[in-house]
Amino acid sequence: MNSENPIIRIRDLRKVYHVGDVDVHALRGVDLDVGRGEFLSIIGPSGSGKSTLFHILGGLTPPTSGSISINGRDLLKMSDSERTELRKTTVGFVFQKYNLLPTLSAADNIAIARYIAGTRPDGDAQFNQELEMLGIRGRMNHKPRALSGGEQQRVAIARAIANKPAILLADEPTGNLDTENSSAVLNLLRELNEKMGQTILMITHNPEAAAYGHRTVRMRDGRIVD
């Protein structure tokens, strides 16, 4: 983990949503550095601002003000097409809902992500190693309805890392899983971090899940409090 040259650098980040005549301050001056190769957990209750931070980091939502650098690039100076390219090449997403296409097999769900990213759809040596690590090599021809929740989340993780992103953003990745599958998925994220050097930023409300990271940041009312 390299903390001297952070892969994410955030300064005084603010986000205000206008709801009718009311201003909702989702982020209130967030400062945060994430080191290369770090597994960072962000924990906080609903409404703390952690999901807003997640969407800004992924280039899905623009901030109101502040500065944010991802892998040495100024996110606020990017055009829409540049942010799209960022999501294709630099950032992978894992969500609480697996968001798999129900009519496609696990293999085809992953192949689409690899096609969009411009990588080989049939996999390479490293990607096949990652599939082995995820434990889904034997389930690739199954459609989502034939997979357990844990298997679907593993496919979603494989899809998220198909473009070999520098950063993996995971939003409540175990929120729909039982204890056993939650532990398995969290161990897989830790293994990706340790063996593949994947920088992971995980949002959760669960202290037990947060403990899998190297460091835990706590948010409340749009601020980092610990």
Protein backbone atom coordinates (compact mmCIF):
# COMPACT_ATOMS: atom_id res chain seq x y z
CA MET A 1 0.00 0.00 0.00
CA ASN A 2 1.40 3.39 -1.05
CA SER A 3 0.06 6.23 1.10
CA GLU A 4 2.60 8.80 -0.15
CA ASN A 5 1.12 8.80 -3.66
CA PRO A 6 -2.61 8.32 -3.06
CA ILE A 7 -4.71 6.95 -5.88
CA ILE A 8 -7.65 9.03 -4.59
CA ARG A 9 -7.22 12.51 -3.13
CA ILE A 10 -10.28 14.46 -1.96
CA ARG A 11 -10.30 17.98 -0.56
CA ASP A 12 -13.26 19.96 0.84
CA LEU A 13 -15.75 17.91 -1.20
CA ARG A 14 -19.33 19.17 -0.98
CA LYS A 15 -22.59 18.07 -2.52
CA VAL A 16 -25.88 19.93 -2.23
CA TYR A 17 -29.12 18.55 -3.62
CA HIS A 18 -31.95 21.00 -4.30
CA VAL A 19 -35.27 19.44 -3.33
CA GLY A 20 -37.97 21.99 -4.05
CA ASP A 21 -37.11 25.01 -1.92
CA VAL A 22 -34.90 22.98 0.40
CA ASP A 23 -31.13 22.48 0.10
CA VAL A 24 -29.99 19.06 1.28
CA HIS A 25 -26.29 19.00 2.17
CA ALA A 26 -25.19 15.42 1.46
CA LEU A 27 -21.45 16.13 1.79
CA ARG A 28 -20.08 18.90 3.98
CA GLY A 29 -16.38 19.32 3.29
CA VAL A 30 -14.91 15.81 3.02
CA ASP A 31 -11.11 15.39 3.01
CA LEU A 32 -9.78 11.90 2.27
CA ASP A 33 -6.73 10.15 0.81
CA VAL A 34 -6.81 6.52 -0.33
CA GLY A 35 -3.44 4.84 -0.85
CA ARG A 36 -2.62 2.65 -3.83
CA GLY A 37 -3.33 -0.94 -2.89
CA GLU A 38 -5.35 0.05 0.18
CA PHE A 39 -8.55 -1.70 1.26
CA LEU A 40 -10.55 1.15 2.81
CA SER A 41 -13.92 0.70 4.52
CA ILE A 42 -16.32 3.62 4.85
CA ILE A 43 -18.97 3.04 7.47
CA GLY A 44 -21.94 5.13 8.49
CA PRO A 45 -25.72 5.10 8.92
CA SER A 46 -28.20 5.85 6.15
CA GLY A 47 -28.04 9.52 5.23
CA SER A 48 -24.41 9.90 6.31
CA GLY A 49 -23.26 10.75 2.78
CA LYS A 50 -21.30 7.58 2.04
CA SER A 51 -23.37 6.60 -1.01
CA THR A 52 -23.14 10.13 -2.39
CA LEU A 53 -19.37 9.92 -2.02
CA PHE A 54 -19.42 6.55 -3.82
CA HIS A 55 -21.33 7.97 -6.79
CA ILE A 56 -19.06 11.00 -7.05
CA LEU A 57 -15.94 8.81 -6.97
CA GLY A 58 -17.36 6.70 -9.78
CA GLY A 59 -18.07 9.75 -11.92
CA LEU A 60 -21.79 9.04 -11.70
CA THR A 61 -22.71 12.28 -9.88
CA PRO A 62 -20.93 15.65 -10.06
CA PRO A 63 -19.99 17.35 -6.78
CA THR A 64 -21.09 20.87 -5.95
CA SER A 65 -17.59 22.02 -5.03
CA GLY A 66 -14.20 20.83 -3.83
CA SER A 67 -11.42 18.91 -5.55
CA ILE A 68 -11.03 15.23 -6.32
CA SER A 69 -8.17 13.45 -8.07
CA ILE A 70 -8.43 9.82 -9.21
CA ASN A 71 -5.28 8.07 -10.37
CA GLY A 72 -3.68 11.46 -10.96
CA ARG A 73 -6.57 12.92 -12.97
CA ASP A 74 -8.79 15.82 -11.90
CA LEU A 75 -12.33 14.45 -11.93
CA LEU A 76 -13.95 17.89 -11.93
CA LYS A 77 -12.18 18.88 -15.14
CA MET A 78 -13.33 15.81 -17.05
CA SER A 79 -15.97 15.96 -19.76
CA ASP A 80 -18.87 13.50 -19.78
CA SER A 81 -17.03 11.31 -22.29
CA GLU A 82 -13.88 11.38 -20.15
CA ARG A 83 -15.85 10.30 -17.09
CA THR A 84 -17.36 7.47 -19.14
CA GLU A 85 -13.84 6.44 -20.12
CA LEU A 86 -12.84 6.57 -16.45
CA ARG A 87 -15.58 4.08 -15.62
CA LYS A 88 -14.48 1.83 -18.50
CA THR A 89 -10.78 1.79 -17.71
CA THR A 90 -10.08 2.85 -14.12
CA VAL A 91 -13.04 2.12 -11.84
CA GLY A 92 -15.01 -1.08 -11.27
CA PHE A 93 -18.34 -1.23 -9.42
CA VAL A 94 -19.90 -3.83 -7.14
CA PHE A 95 -23.39 -3.09 -5.83
CA GLN A 96 -25.66 -4.57 -3.20
CA LYS A 97 -28.01 -5.65 -5.98
CA TYR A 98 -26.04 -7.82 -8.34
CA ASN A 99 -27.44 -6.10 -11.48
CA LEU A 100 -26.78 -9.13 -13.68
CA LEU A 101 -28.64 -9.40 -16.99
CA PRO A 102 -31.14 -12.22 -16.28
CA THR A 103 -31.32 -13.60 -19.83
CA LEU A 104 -27.54 -14.05 -20.13
CA SER A 105 -25.24 -16.65 -18.65
CA ALA A 106 -22.61 -15.71 -16.09
CA ALA A 107 -19.98 -15.94 -18.84
CA ASP A 108 -21.91 -13.59 -21.12
CA ASN A 109 -22.53 -11.09 -18.30
CA ILE A 110 -18.76 -10.91 -17.83
CA ALA A 111 -18.02 -10.94 -21.57
CA ILE A 112 -20.13 -7.82 -22.12
CA ALA A 113 -18.08 -5.94 -19.54
CA ARG A 114 -14.86 -7.10 -21.17
CA TYR A 115 -16.14 -6.11 -24.61
CA ILE A 116 -17.09 -2.62 -23.41
CA ALA A 117 -13.66 -2.24 -21.81
CA GLY A 118 -11.97 -3.39 -25.01
CA THR A 119 -10.35 -6.47 -23.45
CA ARG A 120 -10.41 -10.05 -24.74
CA PRO A 121 -13.87 -11.57 -24.23
CA ASP A 122 -12.50 -15.11 -23.79
CA GLY A 123 -10.28 -14.22 -20.86
CA ASP A 124 -6.53 -14.26 -20.33
CA ALA A 125 -4.29 -16.08 -17.88
CA GLN A 126 -4.71 -13.51 -15.08
CA PHE A 127 -8.47 -13.29 -15.55
CA ASN A 128 -8.80 -17.08 -15.50
CA GLN A 129 -6.80 -17.06 -12.27
CA GLU A 130 -9.25 -14.52 -10.86
CA LEU A 131 -12.19 -16.74 -11.83
CA GLU A 132 -10.54 -19.63 -10.01
CA MET A 133 -10.09 -17.39 -6.99
CA LEU A 134 -13.74 -16.39 -7.13
CA GLY A 135 -14.78 -20.05 -7.32
CA ILE A 136 -17.16 -19.69 -10.29
CA ARG A 137 -15.30 -21.36 -13.15
CA GLY A 138 -17.77 -24.25 -13.05
CA ARG A 139 -20.82 -21.98 -12.99
CA MET A 140 -20.10 -19.82 -16.03
CA ASN A 141 -22.81 -21.34 -18.25
CA HIS A 142 -25.58 -20.78 -15.71
CA LYS A 143 -28.00 -17.87 -15.83
CA PRO A 144 -28.47 -15.73 -12.70
CA ARG A 145 -31.69 -17.48 -11.64
CA ALA A 146 -29.74 -20.76 -11.37
CA LEU A 147 -27.10 -19.20 -9.12
CA SER A 148 -27.21 -18.58 -5.38
CA GLY A 149 -26.95 -15.04 -4.05
CA GLY A 150 -23.31 -15.58 -3.17
CA GLU A 151 -22.55 -16.92 -6.65
CA GLN A 152 -24.32 -14.00 -8.29
CA GLN A 153 -22.24 -11.55 -6.26
CA ARG A 154 -19.07 -13.41 -7.29
CA VAL A 155 -20.09 -13.06 -10.93
CA ALA A 156 -20.75 -9.37 -10.29
CA ILE A 157 -17.24 -9.03 -8.82
CA ALA A 158 -15.75 -10.85 -11.83
CA ARG A 159 -17.61 -8.45 -14.10
CA ALA A 160 -16.38 -5.45 -12.09
CA ILE A 161 -12.71 -6.48 -12.42
CA ALA A 162 -12.99 -7.54 -16.07
CA ASN A 163 -11.34 -4.30 -17.23
CA LYS A 164 -8.56 -4.64 -14.62
CA PRO A 165 -9.56 -1.39 -12.91
CA ALA A 166 -7.14 0.45 -10.66
CA ILE A 167 -9.98 1.02 -8.18
CA LEU A 168 -12.85 -1.22 -7.12
CA LEU A 169 -15.81 0.56 -5.53
CA ALA A 170 -18.07 -1.78 -3.54
CA ASP A 171 -21.38 -0.42 -2.22
CA GLU A 172 -22.82 -2.70 0.51
CA PRO A 173 -21.56 -5.80 -1.38
CA THR A 174 -22.89 -8.18 1.29
CA GLY A 175 -26.18 -6.40 1.96
CA ASN A 176 -28.29 -9.15 0.33
CA LEU A 177 -26.26 -12.11 1.60
CA ASP A 178 -26.47 -14.38 4.62
CA THR A 179 -23.60 -14.60 7.11
CA GLU A 180 -21.77 -17.45 5.38
CA ASN A 181 -21.91 -15.90 1.91
CA SER A 182 -21.07 -12.47 3.31
CA SER A 183 -17.91 -13.85 4.86
CA ALA A 184 -16.98 -15.62 1.62
CA VAL A 185 -17.43 -12.47 -0.49
CA LEU A 186 -15.48 -10.31 1.98
CA ASN A 187 -12.64 -12.82 2.03
CA LEU A 188 -12.60 -12.73 -1.77
CA LEU A 189 -12.33 -8.94 -1.76
CA ARG A 190 -9.48 -9.18 0.72
CA GLU A 191 -7.79 -11.79 -1.48
CA LEU A 192 -8.15 -9.57 -4.57
CA ASN A 193 -6.55 -6.78 -2.59
CA GLU A 194 -3.68 -8.89 -1.27
CA LYS A 195 -2.91 -11.04 -4.31
CA MET A 196 -3.82 -8.69 -7.17
CA GLY A 197 -2.98 -5.38 -5.50
CA GLN A 198 -6.53 -4.15 -6.09
CA THR A 199 -7.35 -0.82 -4.44
CA ILE A 200 -10.76 -1.31 -2.82
CA LEU A 201 -13.08 1.27 -1.32
CA MET A 202 -16.02 -0.45 0.36
CA ILE A 203 -19.11 1.26 1.73
CA THR A 204 -20.98 -0.57 4.47
CA HIS A 205 -23.11 -0.04 7.55
CA ASN A 206 -21.80 -3.27 9.12
CA PRO A 207 -18.81 -2.96 11.50
CA GLU A 208 -17.96 -6.65 11.01
CA ALA A 209 -17.72 -6.15 7.25
CA ALA A 210 -15.73 -2.94 7.68
CA ALA A 211 -13.14 -4.82 9.74
CA TYR A 212 -11.98 -6.67 6.61
CA GLY A 213 -10.34 -3.48 5.35
CA HIS A 214 -6.95 -2.05 6.32
CA ARG A 215 -8.59 1.11 7.63
CA THR A 216 -12.08 2.28 8.53
CA VAL A 217 -13.41 5.80 7.97
CA ARG A 218 -16.64 6.76 9.72
CA MET A 219 -19.12 9.22 8.22
CA ARG A 220 -22.02 11.05 9.79
CA ASP A 221 -24.14 13.92 8.47
CA GLY A 222 -21.99 14.38 5.37
CA ARG A 223 -18.69 14.55 7.23
CA ILE A 224 -15.85 12.21 8.13
CA VAL A 225 -15.93 11.99 11.91
CA ASP A 226 -13.31 9.32 12.62
